[in-house]
Amino acid sequence: MTDPTKVTVQVTLPRELLYECGLSLEAASDALLKAFVLSLCRQDRISSGKAARLLGIHRLAFIRMLAEEKIPFLDFTPEELEDEVTAVRR
């Protein structure tokens, strides 16, 4: 029985790409999901908590994943950072 909360998205990849990278279909699917979720998070379209849930991991593990991928968890402009520091000092 299929999960009614999920959809299947078909992506066509060259067979040699998977072969050369040594990836199974499942590993490629997992990598594509991770890349898609990271992209949505980077675009501020989903929260880090939502991203972690989509990937089935704890939020702290997702934050570590961001660090490993060199994606900033907090991405303030200089003005936003100054406003935050001022608010904390009050």
PDB file of N, CA and C in Angstrom:
ATOM      1  N   MET A   1       0.838  -1.180   0.000  1.00  0.00           N
ATOM      2  CA  MET A   1       0.000   0.000   0.000  1.00  0.00           C
ATOM      3  C   MET A   1       0.889   1.251   0.000  1.00  0.00           C
ATOM      4  N   THR A   2       0.527   2.220  -0.796  1.00  0.00           N
ATOM      5  CA  THR A   2       1.312   3.442  -0.887  1.00  0.00           C
ATOM      6  C   THR A   2       0.931   4.404   0.226  1.00  0.00           C
ATOM      7  N   ASP A   3       1.854   5.260   0.582  1.00  0.00           N
ATOM      8  CA  ASP A   3       1.652   6.269   1.617  1.00  0.00           C
ATOM      9  C   ASP A   3       0.928   7.458   0.999  1.00  0.00           C
ATOM     10  N   PRO A   4      -0.296   7.771   1.461  1.00  0.00           N
ATOM     11  CA  PRO A   4      -1.055   8.865   0.855  1.00  0.00           C
ATOM     12  C   PRO A   4      -0.461  10.253   1.124  1.00  0.00           C
ATOM     13  N   THR A   5       0.507  10.325   2.035  1.00  0.00           N
ATOM     14  CA  THR A   5       1.128  11.624   2.333  1.00  0.00           C
ATOM     15  C   THR A   5       2.344  11.891   1.458  1.00  0.00           C
ATOM     16  N   LYS A   6       2.669  10.954   0.584  1.00  0.00           N
ATOM     17  CA  LYS A   6       3.857  11.099  -0.265  1.00  0.00           C
ATOM     18  C   LYS A   6       3.488  11.000  -1.736  1.00  0.00           C
ATOM     19  N   VAL A   7       4.330  11.605  -2.563  1.00  0.00           N
ATOM     20  CA  VAL A   7       4.186  11.503  -4.011  1.00  0.00           C
ATOM     21  C   VAL A   7       5.507  11.002  -4.579  1.00  0.00           C
ATOM     22  N   THR A   8       5.425  10.424  -5.748  1.00  0.00           N
ATOM     23  CA  THR A   8       6.627   9.985  -6.443  1.00  0.00           C
ATOM     24  C   THR A   8       6.898  10.965  -7.573  1.00  0.00           C
ATOM     25  N   VAL A   9       8.134  11.436  -7.623  1.00  0.00           N
ATOM     26  CA  VAL A   9       8.567  12.341  -8.684  1.00  0.00           C
ATOM     27  C   VAL A   9       9.577  11.579  -9.524  1.00  0.00           C
ATOM     28  N   GLN A  10       9.347  11.550 -10.813  1.00  0.00           N
ATOM     29  CA  GLN A  10      10.238  10.814 -11.697  1.00  0.00           C
ATOM     30  C   GLN A  10      11.338  11.731 -12.205  1.00  0.00           C
ATOM     31  N   VAL A  11      12.565  11.284 -12.036  1.00  0.00           N
ATOM     32  CA  VAL A  11      13.734  12.008 -12.532  1.00  0.00           C
ATOM     33  C   VAL A  11      14.508  11.051 -13.424  1.00  0.00           C
ATOM     34  N   THR A  12      14.849  11.494 -14.605  1.00  0.00           N
ATOM     35  CA  THR A  12      15.590  10.656 -15.529  1.00  0.00           C
ATOM     36  C   THR A  12      17.069  11.039 -15.464  1.00  0.00           C
ATOM     37  N   LEU A  13      17.882  10.052 -15.155  1.00  0.00           N
ATOM     38  CA  LEU A  13      19.330  10.249 -15.052  1.00  0.00           C
ATOM     39  C   LEU A  13      20.029   9.294 -15.998  1.00  0.00           C
ATOM     40  N   PRO A  14      21.178   9.691 -16.513  1.00  0.00           N
ATOM     41  CA  PRO A  14      21.947   8.743 -17.328  1.00  0.00           C
ATOM     42  C   PRO A  14      22.408   7.556 -16.469  1.00  0.00           C
ATOM     43  N   ARG A  15      22.201   6.360 -16.948  1.00  0.00           N
ATOM     44  CA  ARG A  15      22.583   5.148 -16.212  1.00  0.00           C
ATOM     45  C   ARG A  15      24.061   5.189 -15.843  1.00  0.00           C
ATOM     46  N   GLU A  16      24.885   5.701 -16.770  1.00  0.00           N
ATOM     47  CA  GLU A  16      26.333   5.731 -16.515  1.00  0.00           C
ATOM     48  C   GLU A  16      26.691   6.635 -15.339  1.00  0.00           C
ATOM     49  N   LEU A  17      25.869   7.645 -15.074  1.00  0.00           N
ATOM     50  CA  LEU A  17      26.126   8.529 -13.936  1.00  0.00           C
ATOM     51  C   LEU A  17      26.052   7.749 -12.630  1.00  0.00           C
ATOM     52  N   LEU A  18      25.013   6.951 -12.485  1.00  0.00           N
ATOM     53  CA  LEU A  18      24.887   6.135 -11.282  1.00  0.00           C
ATOM     54  C   LEU A  18      26.001   5.098 -11.212  1.00  0.00           C
ATOM     55  N   TYR A  19      26.296   4.494 -12.346  1.00  0.00           N
ATOM     56  CA  TYR A  19      27.337   3.471 -12.391  1.00  0.00           C
ATOM     57  C   TYR A  19      28.694   4.073 -12.011  1.00  0.00           C
ATOM     58  N   GLU A  20      29.029   5.210 -12.620  1.00  0.00           N
ATOM     59  CA  GLU A  20      30.326   5.839 -12.358  1.00  0.00           C
ATOM     60  C   GLU A  20      30.455   6.283 -10.904  1.00  0.00           C
ATOM     61  N   CYS A  21      29.358   6.696 -10.304  1.00  0.00           N
ATOM     62  CA  CYS A  21      29.376   7.152  -8.910  1.00  0.00           C
ATOM     63  C   CYS A  21      29.188   6.007  -7.924  1.00  0.00           C
ATOM     64  N   GLY A  22      28.871   4.833  -8.436  1.00  0.00           N
ATOM     65  CA  GLY A  22      28.673   3.675  -7.577  1.00  0.00           C
ATOM     66  C   GLY A  22      27.419   3.785  -6.719  1.00  0.00           C
ATOM     67  N   LEU A  23      26.385   4.431  -7.255  1.00  0.00           N
ATOM     68  CA  LEU A  23      25.157   4.635  -6.499  1.00  0.00           C
ATOM     69  C   LEU A  23      24.067   3.661  -6.928  1.00  0.00           C
ATOM     70  N   SER A  24      23.361   3.154  -5.944  1.00  0.00           N
ATOM     71  CA  SER A  24      22.166   2.364  -6.227  1.00  0.00           C
ATOM     72  C   SER A  24      21.025   3.345  -6.496  1.00  0.00           C
ATOM     73  N   LEU A  25      19.914   2.832  -7.000  1.00  0.00           N
ATOM     74  CA  LEU A  25      18.752   3.695  -7.211  1.00  0.00           C
ATOM     75  C   LEU A  25      18.288   4.311  -5.894  1.00  0.00           C
ATOM     76  N   GLU A  26      18.327   3.527  -4.825  1.00  0.00           N
ATOM     77  CA  GLU A  26      17.908   4.030  -3.514  1.00  0.00           C
ATOM     78  C   GLU A  26      18.851   5.125  -3.025  1.00  0.00           C
ATOM     79  N   ALA A  27      20.149   4.934  -3.189  1.00  0.00           N
ATOM     80  CA  ALA A  27      21.114   5.945  -2.759  1.00  0.00           C
ATOM     81  C   ALA A  27      20.950   7.224  -3.582  1.00  0.00           C
ATOM     82  N   ALA A  28      20.691   7.076  -4.877  1.00  0.00           N
ATOM     83  CA  ALA A  28      20.476   8.252  -5.731  1.00  0.00           C
ATOM     84  C   ALA A  28      19.204   8.979  -5.307  1.00  0.00           C
ATOM     85  N   SER A  29      18.160   8.232  -5.008  1.00  0.00           N
ATOM     86  CA  SER A  29      16.908   8.825  -4.546  1.00  0.00           C
ATOM     87  C   SER A  29      17.114   9.591  -3.251  1.00  0.00           C
ATOM     88  N   ASP A  30      17.853   8.995  -2.319  1.00  0.00           N
ATOM     89  CA  ASP A  30      18.146   9.667  -1.045  1.00  0.00           C
ATOM     90  C   ASP A  30      18.956  10.947  -1.273  1.00  0.00           C
ATOM     91  N   ALA A  31      19.935  10.884  -2.169  1.00  0.00           N
ATOM     92  CA  ALA A  31      20.771  12.057  -2.457  1.00  0.00           C
ATOM     93  C   ALA A  31      19.952  13.173  -3.104  1.00  0.00           C
ATOM     94  N   LEU A  32      19.044  12.804  -3.996  1.00  0.00           N
ATOM     95  CA  LEU A  32      18.197  13.811  -4.642  1.00  0.00           C
ATOM     96  C   LEU A  32      17.240  14.456  -3.646  1.00  0.00           C
ATOM     97  N   LEU A  33      16.671  13.655  -2.737  1.00  0.00           N
ATOM     98  CA  LEU A  33      15.795  14.214  -1.704  1.00  0.00           C
ATOM     99  C   LEU A  33      16.571  15.185  -0.823  1.00  0.00           C
ATOM    100  N   LYS A  34      17.762  14.789  -0.401  1.00  0.00           N
ATOM    101  CA  LYS A  34      18.592  15.650   0.438  1.00  0.00           C
ATOM    102  C   LYS A  34      18.903  16.960  -0.283  1.00  0.00           C
ATOM    103  N   ALA A  35      19.298  16.881  -1.538  1.00  0.00           N
ATOM    104  CA  ALA A  35      19.629  18.087  -2.307  1.00  0.00           C
ATOM    105  C   ALA A  35      18.409  18.993  -2.462  1.00  0.00           C
ATOM    106  N   PHE A  36      17.251  18.406  -2.705  1.00  0.00           N
ATOM    107  CA  PHE A  36      16.020  19.179  -2.869  1.00  0.00           C
ATOM    108  C   PHE A  36      15.642  19.879  -1.570  1.00  0.00           C
ATOM    109  N   VAL A  37      15.693  19.155  -0.466  1.00  0.00           N
ATOM    110  CA  VAL A  37      15.354  19.731   0.836  1.00  0.00           C
ATOM    111  C   VAL A  37      16.349  20.833   1.201  1.00  0.00           C
ATOM    112  N   LEU A  38      17.634  20.597   0.984  1.00  0.00           N
ATOM    113  CA  LEU A  38      18.640  21.635   1.270  1.00  0.00           C
ATOM    114  C   LEU A  38      18.394  22.880   0.416  1.00  0.00           C
ATOM    115  N   SER A  39      18.033  22.678  -0.829  1.00  0.00           N
ATOM    116  CA  SER A  39      17.749  23.805  -1.719  1.00  0.00           C
ATOM    117  C   SER A  39      16.552  24.608  -1.215  1.00  0.00           C
ATOM    118  N   LEU A  40      15.486  23.925  -0.817  1.00  0.00           N
ATOM    119  CA  LEU A  40      14.302  24.614  -0.293  1.00  0.00           C
ATOM    120  C   LEU A  40      14.633  25.390   0.980  1.00  0.00           C
ATOM    121  N   CYS A  41      15.446  24.799   1.833  1.00  0.00           N
ATOM    122  CA  CYS A  41      15.847  25.458   3.075  1.00  0.00           C
ATOM    123  C   CYS A  41      16.706  26.685   2.775  1.00  0.00           C
ATOM    124  N   ARG A  42      17.638  26.539   1.851  1.00  0.00           N
ATOM    125  CA  ARG A  42      18.521  27.639   1.466  1.00  0.00           C
ATOM    126  C   ARG A  42      17.722  28.809   0.904  1.00  0.00           C
ATOM    127  N   GLN A  43      16.615  28.518   0.231  1.00  0.00           N
ATOM    128  CA  GLN A  43      15.754  29.547  -0.354  1.00  0.00           C
ATOM    129  C   GLN A  43      14.746  30.094   0.659  1.00  0.00           C
ATOM    130  N   ASP A  44      14.830  29.646   1.909  1.00  0.00           N
ATOM    131  CA  ASP A  44      13.885  30.034   2.971  1.00  0.00           C
ATOM    132  C   ASP A  44      12.446  29.656   2.629  1.00  0.00           C
ATOM    133  N   ARG A  45      12.275  28.575   1.893  1.00  0.00           N
ATOM    134  CA  ARG A  45      10.924  28.113   1.561  1.00  0.00           C
ATOM    135  C   ARG A  45      10.399  27.133   2.599  1.00  0.00           C
ATOM    136  N   ILE A  46      11.336  26.508   3.371  1.00  0.00           N
ATOM    137  CA  ILE A  46      10.955  25.653   4.494  1.00  0.00           C
ATOM    138  C   ILE A  46      11.908  25.935   5.651  1.00  0.00           C
ATOM    139  N   SER A  47      11.456  25.653   6.859  1.00  0.00           N
ATOM    140  CA  SER A  47      12.284  25.860   8.048  1.00  0.00           C
ATOM    141  C   SER A  47      13.260  24.700   8.226  1.00  0.00           C
ATOM    142  N   SER A  48      14.233  24.907   9.104  1.00  0.00           N
ATOM    143  CA  SER A  48      15.180  23.829   9.382  1.00  0.00           C
ATOM    144  C   SER A  48      14.469  22.662  10.075  1.00  0.00           C
ATOM    145  N   GLY A  49      13.472  22.966  10.893  1.00  0.00           N
ATOM    146  CA  GLY A  49      12.711  21.904  11.543  1.00  0.00           C
ATOM    147  C   GLY A  49      11.949  21.066  10.532  1.00  0.00           C
ATOM    148  N   LYS A  50      11.304  21.718   9.586  1.00  0.00           N
ATOM    149  CA  LYS A  50      10.574  21.019   8.522  1.00  0.00           C
ATOM    150  C   LYS A  50      11.541  20.200   7.672  1.00  0.00           C
ATOM    151  N   ALA A  51      12.684  20.782   7.343  1.00  0.00           N
ATOM    152  CA  ALA A  51      13.690  20.076   6.548  1.00  0.00           C
ATOM    153  C   ALA A  51      14.146  18.807   7.273  1.00  0.00           C
ATOM    154  N   ALA A  52      14.402  18.933   8.566  1.00  0.00           N
ATOM    155  CA  ALA A  52      14.829  17.766   9.345  1.00  0.00           C
ATOM    156  C   ALA A  52      13.753  16.687   9.325  1.00  0.00           C
ATOM    157  N   ARG A  53      12.488  17.076   9.495  1.00  0.00           N
ATOM    158  CA  ARG A  53      11.392  16.095   9.466  1.00  0.00           C
ATOM    159  C   ARG A  53      11.302  15.407   8.105  1.00  0.00           C
ATOM    160  N   LEU A  54      11.441  16.178   7.035  1.00  0.00           N
ATOM    161  CA  LEU A  54      11.379  15.595   5.692  1.00  0.00           C
ATOM    162  C   LEU A  54      12.484  14.566   5.461  1.00  0.00           C
ATOM    163  N   LEU A  55      13.639  14.815   6.062  1.00  0.00           N
ATOM    164  CA  LEU A  55      14.767  13.898   5.903  1.00  0.00           C
ATOM    165  C   LEU A  55      14.773  12.798   6.953  1.00  0.00           C
ATOM    166  N   GLY A  56      13.839  12.890   7.917  1.00  0.00           N
ATOM    167  CA  GLY A  56      13.749  11.859   8.944  1.00  0.00           C
ATOM    168  C   GLY A  56      14.879  11.892   9.941  1.00  0.00           C
ATOM    169  N   ILE A  57      15.398  13.105  10.217  1.00  0.00           N
ATOM    170  CA  ILE A  57      16.501  13.239  11.168  1.00  0.00           C
ATOM    171  C   ILE A  57      16.144  14.301  12.215  1.00  0.00           C
ATOM    172  N   HIS A  58      16.886  14.318  13.296  1.00  0.00           N
ATOM    173  CA  HIS A  58      16.697  15.308  14.350  1.00  0.00           C
ATOM    174  C   HIS A  58      17.170  16.671  13.835  1.00  0.00           C
ATOM    175  N   ARG A  59      16.579  17.737  14.361  1.00  0.00           N
ATOM    176  CA  ARG A  59      16.931  19.088  13.894  1.00  0.00           C
ATOM    177  C   ARG A  59      18.415  19.390  14.097  1.00  0.00           C
ATOM    178  N   LEU A  60      18.982  18.953  15.212  1.00  0.00           N
ATOM    179  CA  LEU A  60      20.410  19.185  15.445  1.00  0.00           C
ATOM    180  C   LEU A  60      21.257  18.479  14.393  1.00  0.00           C
ATOM    181  N   ALA A  61      20.849  17.287  13.996  1.00  0.00           N
ATOM    182  CA  ALA A  61      21.567  16.565  12.930  1.00  0.00           C
ATOM    183  C   ALA A  61      21.463  17.340  11.619  1.00  0.00           C
ATOM    184  N   PHE A  62      20.305  17.968  11.383  1.00  0.00           N
ATOM    185  CA  PHE A  62      20.163  18.762  10.163  1.00  0.00           C
ATOM    186  C   PHE A  62      21.078  19.980  10.208  1.00  0.00           C
ATOM    187  N   ILE A  63      21.170  20.631  11.358  1.00  0.00           N
ATOM    188  CA  ILE A  63      22.060  21.787  11.489  1.00  0.00           C
ATOM    189  C   ILE A  63      23.505  21.365  11.244  1.00  0.00           C
ATOM    190  N   ARG A  64      23.874  20.198  11.741  1.00  0.00           N
ATOM    191  CA  ARG A  64      25.228  19.677  11.467  1.00  0.00           C
ATOM    192  C   ARG A  64      25.413  19.419   9.967  1.00  0.00           C
ATOM    193  N   MET A  65      24.354  18.913   9.326  1.00  0.00           N
ATOM    194  CA  MET A  65      24.408  18.663   7.883  1.00  0.00           C
ATOM    195  C   MET A  65      24.656  19.972   7.135  1.00  0.00           C
ATOM    196  N   LEU A  66      23.970  21.028   7.560  1.00  0.00           N
ATOM    197  CA  LEU A  66      24.189  22.338   6.933  1.00  0.00           C
ATOM    198  C   LEU A  66      25.654  22.739   7.045  1.00  0.00           C
ATOM    199  N   ALA A  67      26.230  22.552   8.225  1.00  0.00           N
ATOM    200  CA  ALA A  67      27.641  22.906   8.432  1.00  0.00           C
ATOM    201  C   ALA A  67      28.542  22.081   7.517  1.00  0.00           C
ATOM    202  N   GLU A  68      28.258  20.782   7.400  1.00  0.00           N
ATOM    203  CA  GLU A  68      29.057  19.916   6.532  1.00  0.00           C
ATOM    204  C   GLU A  68      28.969  20.353   5.071  1.00  0.00           C
ATOM    205  N   GLU A  69      27.808  20.857   4.691  1.00  0.00           N
ATOM    206  CA  GLU A  69      27.582  21.308   3.316  1.00  0.00           C
ATOM    207  C   GLU A  69      27.999  22.768   3.112  1.00  0.00           C
ATOM    208  N   LYS A  70      28.529  23.378   4.173  1.00  0.00           N
ATOM    209  CA  LYS A  70      28.973  24.787   4.137  1.00  0.00           C
ATOM    210  C   LYS A  70      27.812  25.740   3.823  1.00  0.00           C
ATOM    211  N   ILE A  71      26.641  25.420   4.386  1.00  0.00           N
ATOM    212  CA  ILE A  71      25.457  26.254   4.243  1.00  0.00           C
ATOM    213  C   ILE A  71      25.222  26.922   5.587  1.00  0.00           C
ATOM    214  N   PRO A  72      25.195  28.248   5.641  1.00  0.00           N
ATOM    215  CA  PRO A  72      25.008  28.911   6.942  1.00  0.00           C
ATOM    216  C   PRO A  72      23.628  28.641   7.527  1.00  0.00           C
ATOM    217  N   PHE A  73      23.588  28.356   8.836  1.00  0.00           N
ATOM    218  CA  PHE A  73      22.316  28.160   9.517  1.00  0.00           C
ATOM    219  C   PHE A  73      21.631  29.508   9.723  1.00  0.00           C
ATOM    220  N   LEU A  74      22.415  30.487  10.130  1.00  0.00           N
ATOM    221  CA  LEU A  74      21.922  31.853  10.275  1.00  0.00           C
ATOM    222  C   LEU A  74      22.572  32.689   9.190  1.00  0.00           C
ATOM    223  N   ASP A  75      21.779  33.392   8.446  1.00  0.00           N
ATOM    224  CA  ASP A  75      22.290  34.157   7.312  1.00  0.00           C
ATOM    225  C   ASP A  75      21.761  35.582   7.392  1.00  0.00           C
ATOM    226  N   PHE A  76      22.338  36.348   8.318  1.00  0.00           N
ATOM    227  CA  PHE A  76      21.909  37.723   8.534  1.00  0.00           C
ATOM    228  C   PHE A  76      22.654  38.692   7.633  1.00  0.00           C
ATOM    229  N   THR A  77      21.978  39.743   7.216  1.00  0.00           N
ATOM    230  CA  THR A  77      22.675  40.863   6.601  1.00  0.00           C
ATOM    231  C   THR A  77      23.389  41.588   7.742  1.00  0.00           C
ATOM    232  N   PRO A  78      24.369  42.424   7.437  1.00  0.00           N
ATOM    233  CA  PRO A  78      25.035  43.166   8.514  1.00  0.00           C
ATOM    234  C   PRO A  78      24.042  43.977   9.366  1.00  0.00           C
ATOM    235  N   GLU A  79      23.038  44.550   8.736  1.00  0.00           N
ATOM    236  CA  GLU A  79      22.048  45.345   9.472  1.00  0.00           C
ATOM    237  C   GLU A  79      21.205  44.459  10.394  1.00  0.00           C
ATOM    238  N   GLU A  80      20.801  43.293   9.893  1.00  0.00           N
ATOM    239  CA  GLU A  80      20.013  42.366  10.709  1.00  0.00           C
ATOM    240  C   GLU A  80      20.823  41.872  11.899  1.00  0.00           C
ATOM    241  N   LEU A  81      22.092  41.589  11.663  1.00  0.00           N
ATOM    242  CA  LEU A  81      22.958  41.138  12.745  1.00  0.00           C
ATOM    243  C   LEU A  81      23.097  42.220  13.802  1.00  0.00           C
ATOM    244  N   GLU A  82      23.289  43.448  13.374  1.00  0.00           N
ATOM    245  CA  GLU A  82      23.397  44.564  14.329  1.00  0.00           C
ATOM    246  C   GLU A  82      22.110  44.699  15.142  1.00  0.00           C
ATOM    247  N   ASP A  83      20.970  44.568  14.491  1.00  0.00           N
ATOM    248  CA  ASP A  83      19.684  44.651  15.194  1.00  0.00           C
ATOM    249  C   ASP A  83      19.566  43.533  16.234  1.00  0.00           C
ATOM    250  N   GLU A  84      19.988  42.328  15.878  1.00  0.00           N
ATOM    251  CA  GLU A  84      19.923  41.199  16.810  1.00  0.00           C
ATOM    252  C   GLU A  84      20.837  41.425  17.998  1.00  0.00           C
ATOM    253  N   VAL A  85      22.057  41.889  17.754  1.00  0.00           N
ATOM    254  CA  VAL A  85      23.010  42.137  18.837  1.00  0.00           C
ATOM    255  C   VAL A  85      22.454  43.219  19.763  1.00  0.00           C
ATOM    256  N   THR A  86      21.884  44.268  19.191  1.00  0.00           N
ATOM    257  CA  THR A  86      21.289  45.334  19.998  1.00  0.00           C
ATOM    258  C   THR A  86      20.149  44.792  20.853  1.00  0.00           C
ATOM    259  N   ALA A  87      19.319  43.950  20.274  1.00  0.00           N
ATOM    260  CA  ALA A  87      18.193  43.377  21.020  1.00  0.00           C
ATOM    261  C   ALA A  87      18.679  42.506  22.165  1.00  0.00           C
ATOM    262  N   VAL A  88      19.733  41.743  21.951  1.00  0.00           N
ATOM    263  CA  VAL A  88      20.276  40.868  23.006  1.00  0.00           C
ATOM    264  C   VAL A  88      20.866  41.707  24.124  1.00  0.00           C
ATOM    265  N   ARG A  89      21.507  42.806  23.797  1.00  0.00           N
ATOM    266  CA  ARG A  89      22.132  43.660  24.817  1.00  0.00           C
ATOM    267  C   ARG A  89      21.103  44.343  25.710  1.00  0.00           C
ATOM    268  N   ARG A  90      19.884  44.548  25.204  1.00  0.00           N
ATOM    269  CA  ARG A  90      18.839  45.187  26.011  1.00  0.00           C
ATOM    270  C   ARG A  90      18.396  44.256  27.041  1.00  0.00           C
TER     271      ARG A  90
END
